[in-house]
Protein backbone atom coordinates (compact mmCIF):
# COMPACT_ATOMS: atom_id res chain seq x y z
CA UNK A 1 -133.45 -64.48 48.51
CA UNK A 2 -133.94 -65.12 51.91
CA UNK A 3 -134.88 -67.83 53.49
CA UNK A 4 -136.83 -67.90 57.12
CA UNK A 5 -135.53 -71.14 58.10
CA UNK A 6 -137.76 -71.16 61.41
CA UNK A 7 -140.96 -69.80 62.06
CA UNK A 8 -144.28 -70.62 63.20
CA UNK A 9 -147.20 -69.60 61.01
CA UNK A 10 -149.81 -71.57 62.44
CA UNK A 11 -149.56 -69.65 66.01
CA UNK A 12 -152.53 -67.52 66.82
CA UNK A 13 -150.77 -64.26 66.82
CA UNK A 14 -150.50 -64.18 63.01
CA UNK A 15 -153.93 -65.53 61.94
CA UNK A 16 -155.82 -62.40 60.99
CA UNK A 17 -154.10 -61.31 58.83
CA UNK A 18 -151.26 -64.25 57.53
CA UNK A 19 -151.33 -63.53 53.52
CA UNK A 20 -150.52 -60.05 54.19
CA UNK A 21 -147.53 -61.12 56.60
CA UNK A 22 -145.96 -63.27 53.65
CA UNK A 23 -147.03 -60.69 51.05
CA UNK A 24 -144.58 -58.17 53.40
CA UNK A 25 -141.58 -60.87 53.76
CA UNK A 26 -142.26 -61.81 50.16
CA UNK A 27 -141.91 -57.82 48.76
CA UNK A 28 -138.28 -57.46 50.89
CA UNK A 29 -136.82 -60.62 49.15
CA UNK A 30 -137.77 -63.46 51.22
CA UNK A 31 -138.41 -66.21 48.85
CA UNK A 32 -138.86 -69.10 51.28
CA UNK A 33 -140.07 -70.12 54.80
CA UNK A 34 -139.78 -73.11 56.92
CA UNK A 35 -142.89 -72.98 59.33
CA UNK A 36 -142.15 -75.49 61.88
CA UNK A 37 -143.78 -78.26 63.96
CA UNK A 38 -144.21 -78.13 67.78
CA UNK A 39 -146.93 -81.07 67.96
CA UNK A 40 -148.83 -83.33 66.43
CA UNK A 41 -151.89 -81.88 67.70
CA UNK A 42 -151.26 -78.80 66.03
CA UNK A 43 -149.54 -80.33 63.20
CA UNK A 44 -152.59 -80.65 60.84
CA UNK A 45 -152.54 -76.84 60.96
CA UNK A 46 -149.18 -76.38 60.12
CA UNK A 47 -149.35 -79.00 57.00
CA UNK A 48 -152.40 -77.04 55.55
CA UNK A 49 -150.05 -73.69 55.76
CA UNK A 50 -147.36 -75.48 54.03
CA UNK A 51 -149.77 -76.87 51.77
CA UNK A 52 -151.06 -73.31 50.43
CA UNK A 53 -148.38 -72.11 48.64
CA UNK A 54 -145.40 -73.53 46.76
CA UNK A 55 -142.79 -71.48 48.86
CA UNK A 56 -143.66 -72.75 52.40
CA UNK A 57 -142.61 -76.09 53.65
CA UNK A 58 -143.34 -77.58 57.17
CA UNK A 59 -141.55 -79.81 59.62
CA UNK A 60 -143.30 -82.61 62.35
CA UNK A 61 -142.33 -82.62 65.76
CA UNK A 62 -142.64 -82.13 69.24
CA UNK A 63 -141.27 -78.91 71.03
CA UNK A 64 -139.40 -80.32 74.37
CA UNK A 65 -141.82 -78.81 76.45
CA UNK A 66 -144.60 -80.49 75.38
CA UNK A 67 -142.72 -84.17 75.28
CA UNK A 68 -144.91 -85.44 78.54
CA UNK A 69 -148.07 -84.73 76.68
CA UNK A 70 -146.62 -86.02 73.50
CA UNK A 71 -144.28 -88.90 73.58
CA UNK A 72 -143.22 -90.08 70.21
CA UNK A 73 -141.48 -92.62 68.40
CA UNK A 74 -139.98 -92.71 65.10
CA UNK A 75 -142.43 -94.76 63.19
CA UNK A 76 -144.89 -92.27 64.11
CA UNK A 77 -142.87 -89.39 62.96
CA UNK A 78 -141.80 -91.14 60.08
CA UNK A 79 -145.17 -91.74 58.81
CA UNK A 80 -146.39 -88.37 58.96
CA UNK A 81 -143.50 -87.12 57.08
CA UNK A 82 -144.21 -89.59 53.80
CA UNK A 83 -146.17 -85.60 52.84
CA UNK A 84 -144.09 -84.12 50.60
CA UNK A 85 -144.41 -80.85 52.09
CA UNK A 86 -142.47 -82.23 55.35
CA UNK A 87 -139.08 -81.59 55.04
CA UNK A 88 -137.84 -82.38 58.73
CA UNK A 89 -138.05 -83.17 61.73
CA UNK A 90 -138.78 -81.17 64.78
CA UNK A 91 -138.52 -78.94 66.57
CA UNK A 92 -137.42 -81.09 69.40
CA UNK A 93 -134.21 -80.81 71.76
CA UNK A 94 -133.93 -80.25 75.12
CA UNK A 95 -135.17 -77.18 77.53
CA UNK A 96 -134.14 -77.54 80.96
CA UNK A 97 -134.80 -73.70 81.93
CA UNK A 98 -138.67 -73.55 81.82
CA UNK A 99 -138.75 -77.86 83.04
CA UNK A 100 -141.96 -78.04 81.71
CA UNK A 101 -141.56 -81.60 80.90
CA UNK A 102 -139.26 -84.25 82.61
CA UNK A 103 -136.15 -84.29 81.49
CA UNK A 104 -136.66 -88.11 80.93
CA UNK A 105 -139.28 -87.19 78.39
CA UNK A 106 -137.56 -85.06 76.69
CA UNK A 107 -134.85 -87.19 76.10
CA UNK A 108 -137.03 -89.86 75.02
CA UNK A 109 -138.28 -87.78 72.62
CA UNK A 110 -135.47 -86.30 71.21
CA UNK A 111 -133.62 -89.56 70.49
CA UNK A 112 -136.46 -90.46 68.41
CA UNK A 113 -136.73 -87.56 66.25
CA UNK A 114 -132.83 -88.34 65.53
CA UNK A 115 -133.99 -91.75 64.78
CA UNK A 116 -136.47 -90.26 61.89
CA UNK A 117 -133.94 -88.03 60.92
CA UNK A 118 -131.52 -91.13 60.80
CA UNK A 119 -133.80 -93.50 58.59
CA UNK A 120 -135.37 -91.30 56.28
CA UNK A 121 -132.07 -89.17 55.98
CA UNK A 122 -134.26 -85.84 56.78
CA UNK A 123 -132.88 -82.96 58.98
CA UNK A 124 -133.65 -82.79 62.48
CA UNK A 125 -134.31 -79.08 63.99
CA UNK A 126 -132.58 -78.94 67.52
CA UNK A 127 -133.98 -76.67 70.35
CA UNK A 128 -131.74 -76.50 73.24
CA UNK A 129 -131.48 -74.06 76.39
CA UNK A 130 -130.00 -74.80 79.79
CA UNK A 131 -128.96 -78.24 78.38
CA UNK A 132 -125.64 -78.07 76.80
CA UNK A 133 -124.06 -80.73 78.29
CA UNK A 134 -126.84 -82.95 77.80
CA UNK A 135 -127.46 -82.16 74.08
CA UNK A 136 -123.96 -82.42 72.77
CA UNK A 137 -123.89 -85.69 75.24
CA UNK A 138 -126.94 -87.18 73.36
CA UNK A 139 -125.75 -85.56 69.51
CA UNK A 140 -122.69 -87.32 69.73
CA UNK A 141 -123.98 -90.52 71.23
CA UNK A 142 -126.69 -90.78 68.43
CA UNK A 143 -123.97 -89.87 65.75
CA UNK A 144 -122.02 -93.18 66.61
CA UNK A 145 -125.37 -95.20 66.08
CA UNK A 146 -125.47 -93.57 62.21
CA UNK A 147 -125.40 -90.54 60.25
CA UNK A 148 -128.14 -87.79 60.29
CA UNK A 149 -128.23 -83.95 59.39
CA UNK A 150 -129.61 -81.48 61.39
CA UNK A 151 -129.33 -77.74 62.71
CA UNK A 152 -129.39 -76.17 65.85
CA UNK A 153 -132.17 -73.70 66.12
CA UNK A 154 -131.89 -69.99 67.33
CA UNK A 155 -128.30 -70.31 68.38
CA UNK A 156 -127.42 -68.71 71.60
CA UNK A 157 -125.39 -71.34 72.90
CA UNK A 158 -121.44 -71.23 73.40
CA UNK A 159 -118.22 -72.00 71.48
CA UNK A 160 -118.30 -75.61 73.00
CA UNK A 161 -121.84 -76.09 71.69
CA UNK A 162 -121.18 -74.23 68.49
CA UNK A 163 -117.74 -76.35 67.93
CA UNK A 164 -119.35 -79.73 68.64
CA UNK A 165 -122.58 -79.34 66.42
CA UNK A 166 -120.10 -78.22 63.71
CA UNK A 167 -117.78 -81.01 64.37
CA UNK A 168 -120.75 -83.37 63.71
CA UNK A 169 -121.74 -81.86 60.64
CA UNK A 170 -124.71 -79.61 62.11
CA UNK A 171 -125.64 -76.28 60.97
CA UNK A 172 -125.93 -72.93 62.99
CA UNK A 173 -129.36 -71.07 62.30
CA UNK A 174 -129.03 -67.52 63.86
CA UNK A 175 -132.40 -65.39 65.37
CA UNK A 176 -132.72 -61.86 66.42
CA UNK A 177 -131.19 -62.46 69.21
CA UNK A 178 -128.01 -62.07 67.88
CA UNK A 179 -128.77 -58.88 66.50
CA UNK A 180 -129.49 -57.74 70.45
CA UNK A 181 -127.21 -54.79 72.12
CA UNK A 182 -126.09 -57.23 75.21
CA UNK A 183 -125.20 -59.99 72.51
CA UNK A 184 -121.65 -59.26 72.16
CA UNK A 185 -120.65 -62.68 73.17
CA UNK A 186 -123.21 -64.03 70.99
CA UNK A 187 -121.79 -62.14 67.96
CA UNK A 188 -117.87 -63.20 68.70
CA UNK A 189 -119.33 -66.57 68.89
CA UNK A 190 -121.70 -67.17 65.34
CA UNK A 191 -118.77 -64.94 63.92
CA UNK A 192 -116.63 -68.28 63.88
CA UNK A 193 -119.25 -70.10 62.07
CA UNK A 194 -117.83 -71.11 58.85
CA UNK A 195 -119.99 -69.33 56.15
CA UNK A 196 -121.14 -72.65 54.70
CA UNK A 197 -123.15 -73.73 57.90
CA UNK A 198 -124.78 -70.43 58.68
CA UNK A 199 -128.84 -70.44 58.07
CA UNK A 200 -130.97 -67.06 59.69
CA UNK A 201 -134.32 -67.01 61.17
CA UNK A 202 -137.05 -65.29 62.93
CA UNK A 203 -138.43 -67.67 65.66
CA UNK A 204 -141.77 -65.93 64.97
CA UNK A 205 -143.48 -64.38 66.17
CA UNK A 206 -141.25 -63.69 68.67
CA UNK A 207 -137.63 -62.40 69.30
CA UNK A 208 -138.25 -59.25 66.74
CA UNK A 209 -134.71 -58.18 65.77
CA UNK A 210 -132.78 -54.60 66.19
CA UNK A 211 -134.11 -52.33 64.78
CA UNK A 212 -137.56 -53.53 65.37
CA UNK A 213 -137.01 -55.00 68.61
CA UNK A 214 -141.01 -55.10 70.58
CA UNK A 215 -142.82 -55.63 67.61
CA UNK A 216 -144.45 -59.30 67.25
CA UNK A 217 -141.78 -60.78 64.97
CA UNK A 218 -142.63 -61.43 60.99
CA UNK A 219 -141.07 -63.54 58.55
CA UNK A 220 -139.84 -59.93 56.85
CA UNK A 221 -137.67 -58.83 59.82
CA UNK A 222 -135.41 -61.75 58.86
CA UNK A 223 -133.73 -59.29 56.51
CA UNK A 224 -132.32 -57.30 59.64
CA UNK A 225 -130.53 -61.00 61.13
CA UNK A 226 -128.90 -60.90 57.57
CA UNK A 227 -127.54 -57.54 57.88
CA UNK A 228 -126.10 -58.00 60.68
CA UNK A 229 -124.35 -61.40 59.87
CA UNK A 230 -123.17 -60.00 56.88
CA UNK A 231 -121.30 -57.02 58.63
CA UNK A 232 -119.41 -59.60 61.11
CA UNK A 233 -118.60 -61.50 58.08
CA UNK A 234 -117.44 -58.84 55.81
CA UNK A 235 -119.90 -59.63 52.36
CA UNK A 236 -123.09 -58.11 51.47
CA UNK A 237 -126.42 -58.97 52.79
CA UNK A 238 -127.44 -59.99 49.23
CA UNK A 239 -124.56 -62.32 49.79
CA UNK A 240 -125.00 -63.28 52.91
CA UNK A 241 -128.35 -63.96 51.75
CA UNK A 242 -127.76 -66.22 48.62
CA UNK A 243 -125.32 -68.01 50.81
CA UNK A 244 -127.52 -69.20 53.72
CA UNK A 245 -130.46 -69.82 50.66
CA UNK A 246 -128.16 -72.08 49.30
CA UNK A 247 -126.96 -73.99 52.82
CA UNK A 248 -131.06 -74.06 53.73
CA UNK A 249 -131.77 -75.80 50.46
CA UNK A 250 -128.70 -78.18 50.87
CA UNK A 251 -129.39 -79.34 54.25
CA UNK A 252 -133.57 -79.45 53.65
CA UNK A 253 -133.16 -81.02 50.20
CA UNK A 254 -136.99 -82.14 49.91
CA UNK A 255 -137.85 -78.64 49.87
CA UNK A 256 -137.07 -76.63 46.32
CA UNK A 257 -136.59 -73.22 45.22
CA UNK A 258 -139.54 -71.03 43.67
CA UNK A 259 -138.25 -70.03 40.55
CA UNK A 260 -139.90 -66.64 39.18
CA UNK A 261 -141.56 -67.21 35.66
């Protein structure tokens, strides 16, 4: 079984055929989906999708792009996380590439999500782009306040970021970007990540992997990222799928795999 540990099933690109999208993924062995919260205004739709099937869970959070428009504190996030389908917080973090929200607002929201993760024991899903120094500094500062679990999603960073994340006990999630022909340095970095700390994701509807690059991404395509990582680690795709699935349910411990009848 494979898990798409980061997808956006509530996005309008999937609205006309979400059931078919999910069926295509299940047909190729994707047995679980984590659909990600990007804003509180959108969260009811995210939660409803998670409620629609036993093999879908969700997170609640505010993307750094929207931090200025949706400031949150830990208590607000925790109030939404009482729902049994909510298994984590985010995606949150820092995005200095686009700068859609001021850095101060992004940092404040990032810390609120981490505080909610620390208090609840649920993990935090971290987005970081062009903000490695501040991301590492905040993660290290927050760990000193008390432990929390989490994952760097759609990892595209340097060996320094990977090393810092692993040292703090976080997981690394690999998307289709790592399959691109010009991603040799990224592949070299993720090759050094221990297998027991890897997750796989699509981040769909974006970032379709090779050999389907250019198409609208969907959860079924996570198998291509899995195949690439399996080759890097000299194991079979089935073995890679099993270890990343085990990692997912260890990190997102409130979720439970759906057993075939």
